[in-house]
């Protein structure tokens, strides 16, 4: 059975979707959720779904090996960033090469980089008068949103769409595609 560890910073809808998707899977399961926000709703969601969940601070992630040691003990086959807002440290990327992926709420390379997350991305898409947007699932490297692209899914952006409308469309794409892509990556 393949092991998945999820990193999230906020409400955790993608994390919950992944946990539920793999709940009865013969292929993989979510074994742990880690968050940089001790008040994140993802902690409640994980607890309700009976998945181990821990919070950590910036020092534990980037200045010590505390989070790395938690991961080494968990032995994940895949580390999934699902709304995780901090830059991922190189010591973890080096310890788990090609085993860290992220979902980004735009069609990279457009609208990526530092500060481009959540509503910031959707507002930029609308303000730029884009006719389409989507999600990008990609490997994580030492630079924000620059890792190799694994999968993209698109949706239309209508001239009268608000950033909130775009966010809803992106959320639907994430709910539909993210678990399937994670599952495909873990197939033997």
Protein backbone atom coordinates (compact mmCIF):
# COMPACT_ATOMS: atom_id res chain seq x y z
CA UNK A 1 0.00 0.00 0.00
CA UNK A 2 1.42 3.36 -1.07
CA UNK A 3 1.63 6.09 1.54
CA UNK A 4 0.61 9.73 1.00
CA UNK A 5 1.44 12.69 3.23
CA UNK A 6 -0.44 15.94 2.57
CA UNK A 7 0.77 19.46 3.38
CA UNK A 8 -1.93 22.15 3.58
CA UNK A 9 -2.26 25.64 5.03
CA UNK A 10 -5.96 26.40 5.05
CA UNK A 11 -9.43 24.94 4.93
CA UNK A 12 -8.31 21.60 3.53
CA UNK A 13 -11.00 20.83 0.96
CA UNK A 14 -8.42 19.28 -1.38
CA UNK A 15 -6.92 17.31 1.50
CA UNK A 16 -10.37 16.04 2.53
CA UNK A 17 -11.13 15.09 -1.07
CA UNK A 18 -7.87 13.13 -1.31
CA UNK A 19 -8.42 11.38 2.03
CA UNK A 20 -11.93 10.32 1.00
CA UNK A 21 -10.79 9.24 -2.48
CA UNK A 22 -8.15 6.91 -1.04
CA UNK A 23 -10.19 5.75 1.98
CA UNK A 24 -11.16 2.41 0.44
CA UNK A 25 -8.34 2.20 -2.10
CA UNK A 26 -6.24 -0.94 -2.53
CA UNK A 27 -3.50 1.20 -4.02
CA UNK A 28 -2.78 4.01 -1.52
CA UNK A 29 -3.91 5.85 1.58
CA UNK A 30 -3.36 9.25 3.15
CA UNK A 31 -1.44 8.53 6.32
CA UNK A 32 -0.78 12.05 7.58
CA UNK A 33 -1.65 15.72 7.17
CA UNK A 34 0.88 18.39 8.09
CA UNK A 35 0.14 22.10 8.30
CA UNK A 36 2.00 25.31 9.03
CA UNK A 37 -1.17 26.83 10.50
CA UNK A 38 -2.20 25.59 13.96
CA UNK A 39 -5.70 27.05 13.37
CA UNK A 40 -6.19 25.59 9.88
CA UNK A 41 -9.51 23.88 9.28
CA UNK A 42 -7.59 21.05 7.61
CA UNK A 43 -6.68 19.82 11.12
CA UNK A 44 -10.39 19.36 11.97
CA UNK A 45 -11.08 17.68 8.63
CA UNK A 46 -8.21 15.21 9.09
CA UNK A 47 -9.22 14.42 12.68
CA UNK A 48 -12.83 13.82 11.61
CA UNK A 49 -11.58 11.42 8.92
CA UNK A 50 -9.26 9.69 11.42
CA UNK A 51 -5.99 10.75 9.77
CA UNK A 52 -3.01 11.85 11.84
CA UNK A 53 -2.55 15.61 11.67
CA UNK A 54 0.20 17.84 13.04
CA UNK A 55 1.08 21.51 12.83
CA UNK A 56 4.59 22.91 12.74
CA UNK A 57 6.27 26.31 12.58
CA UNK A 58 8.71 27.83 10.10
CA UNK A 59 11.70 26.87 12.26
CA UNK A 60 10.68 23.19 12.29
CA UNK A 61 10.29 23.22 8.50
CA UNK A 62 13.22 25.30 7.31
CA UNK A 63 15.80 25.73 10.06
CA UNK A 64 15.84 22.30 11.69
CA UNK A 65 15.23 18.78 10.45
CA UNK A 66 12.09 18.29 12.58
CA UNK A 67 9.64 18.08 9.67
CA UNK A 68 12.13 16.10 7.58
CA UNK A 69 12.45 13.59 10.43
CA UNK A 70 8.64 13.28 10.68
CA UNK A 71 8.57 12.51 6.96
CA UNK A 72 11.42 10.02 7.19
CA UNK A 73 9.51 8.20 9.93
CA UNK A 74 6.29 8.24 7.86
CA UNK A 75 8.04 6.90 4.74
CA UNK A 76 5.70 8.51 2.20
CA UNK A 77 5.67 7.34 -1.40
CA UNK A 78 4.29 10.75 -2.35
CA UNK A 79 4.13 14.15 -0.63
CA UNK A 80 1.20 16.21 -1.86
CA UNK A 81 1.01 19.97 -1.40
CA UNK A 82 -2.68 20.88 -1.38
CA UNK A 83 -2.95 24.57 -0.67
CA UNK A 84 0.38 24.75 1.14
CA UNK A 85 1.60 28.34 1.00
CA UNK A 86 5.22 28.22 2.11
CA UNK A 87 8.19 27.54 -0.12
CA UNK A 88 9.14 23.89 0.26
CA UNK A 89 12.65 23.39 1.72
CA UNK A 90 15.45 21.87 -0.32
CA UNK A 91 16.44 19.38 2.41
CA UNK A 92 13.03 17.67 2.04
CA UNK A 93 13.11 17.88 -1.77
CA UNK A 94 16.56 16.25 -1.73
CA UNK A 95 15.42 13.50 0.64
CA UNK A 96 12.33 12.76 -1.50
CA UNK A 97 13.38 13.41 -5.11
CA UNK A 98 10.46 13.46 -7.58
CA UNK A 99 8.08 12.59 -4.76
CA UNK A 100 6.70 16.06 -3.98
CA UNK A 101 3.84 17.44 -6.08
CA UNK A 102 1.65 20.53 -5.93
CA UNK A 103 -1.64 21.68 -7.42
CA UNK A 104 -1.61 25.27 -8.68
CA UNK A 105 -4.83 27.16 -9.51
CA UNK A 106 -3.74 28.39 -12.96
CA UNK A 107 -2.22 27.13 -16.18
CA UNK A 108 1.48 27.40 -15.45
CA UNK A 109 3.74 29.04 -16.43
CA UNK A 110 1.12 31.82 -16.34
CA UNK A 111 0.23 33.27 -12.94
CA UNK A 112 2.84 31.37 -10.93
CA UNK A 113 5.54 32.42 -8.53
CA UNK A 114 5.81 33.99 -5.10
CA UNK A 115 2.52 35.48 -3.90
CA UNK A 116 0.49 33.80 -6.63
CA UNK A 117 -1.95 31.63 -4.71
CA UNK A 118 -5.69 31.49 -4.10
CA UNK A 119 -7.66 34.63 -4.90
CA UNK A 120 -4.48 36.46 -5.96
CA UNK A 121 -4.30 34.10 -8.94
CA UNK A 122 -8.00 34.33 -9.81
CA UNK A 123 -7.98 38.14 -9.61
CA UNK A 124 -4.92 38.25 -11.89
CA UNK A 125 -6.65 35.95 -14.40
CA UNK A 126 -9.77 38.17 -14.45
CA UNK A 127 -7.79 41.45 -14.53
CA UNK A 128 -5.68 40.12 -17.39
CA UNK A 129 -8.89 39.30 -19.33
CA UNK A 130 -7.85 35.68 -19.88
CA UNK A 131 -10.30 33.55 -21.88
CA UNK A 132 -9.24 30.33 -20.16
CA UNK A 133 -7.56 29.19 -16.99
CA UNK A 134 -7.27 25.91 -15.14
CA UNK A 135 -5.17 23.84 -12.80
CA UNK A 136 -1.63 22.60 -13.06
CA UNK A 137 -0.36 19.62 -11.11
CA UNK A 138 3.42 19.70 -11.09
CA UNK A 139 6.49 18.38 -9.34
CA UNK A 140 7.92 20.73 -6.74
CA UNK A 141 11.47 22.02 -7.08
CA UNK A 142 13.45 24.76 -5.32
CA UNK A 143 11.55 27.54 -7.16
CA UNK A 144 7.88 28.50 -6.77
CA UNK A 145 5.73 26.82 -9.44
CA UNK A 146 8.62 25.92 -11.77
CA UNK A 147 8.74 22.11 -11.42
CA UNK A 148 7.94 19.77 -14.31
CA UNK A 149 4.26 19.76 -15.25
CA UNK A 150 2.44 16.47 -14.73
CA UNK A 151 -1.11 17.44 -15.74
CA UNK A 152 -3.25 20.43 -16.69
CA UNK A 153 -7.02 20.83 -16.99
CA UNK A 154 -8.68 23.91 -18.48
CA UNK A 155 -11.90 25.85 -18.10
CA UNK A 156 -13.30 28.90 -19.86
CA UNK A 157 -13.23 32.35 -18.33
CA UNK A 158 -16.20 34.41 -19.45
CA UNK A 159 -15.94 38.21 -19.78
CA UNK A 160 -18.41 38.68 -16.91
CA UNK A 161 -16.74 36.17 -14.55
CA UNK A 162 -15.59 37.53 -11.21
CA UNK A 163 -12.57 36.16 -9.36
CA UNK A 164 -15.05 34.25 -7.17
CA UNK A 165 -16.63 32.62 -10.27
CA UNK A 166 -13.18 31.61 -11.49
CA UNK A 167 -12.31 30.23 -8.04
CA UNK A 168 -15.44 28.03 -8.12
CA UNK A 169 -14.51 26.67 -11.56
CA UNK A 170 -10.96 25.94 -10.41
CA UNK A 171 -12.25 24.20 -7.28
CA UNK A 172 -14.38 21.89 -9.45
CA UNK A 173 -11.34 21.00 -11.57
CA UNK A 174 -9.27 20.29 -8.45
CA UNK A 175 -11.97 18.07 -6.94
CA UNK A 176 -12.33 16.10 -10.17
CA UNK A 177 -8.74 15.69 -11.30
CA UNK A 178 -6.35 15.95 -8.35
CA UNK A 179 -7.13 12.57 -6.72
CA UNK A 180 -7.03 10.76 -10.09
CA UNK A 181 -3.64 12.23 -10.97
CA UNK A 182 -2.25 11.32 -7.52
CA UNK A 183 -3.61 7.80 -7.95
CA UNK A 184 -2.04 7.46 -11.41
CA UNK A 185 1.34 8.61 -10.07
CA UNK A 186 1.22 5.87 -7.42
CA UNK A 187 0.25 3.00 -9.70
CA UNK A 188 2.93 0.33 -10.04
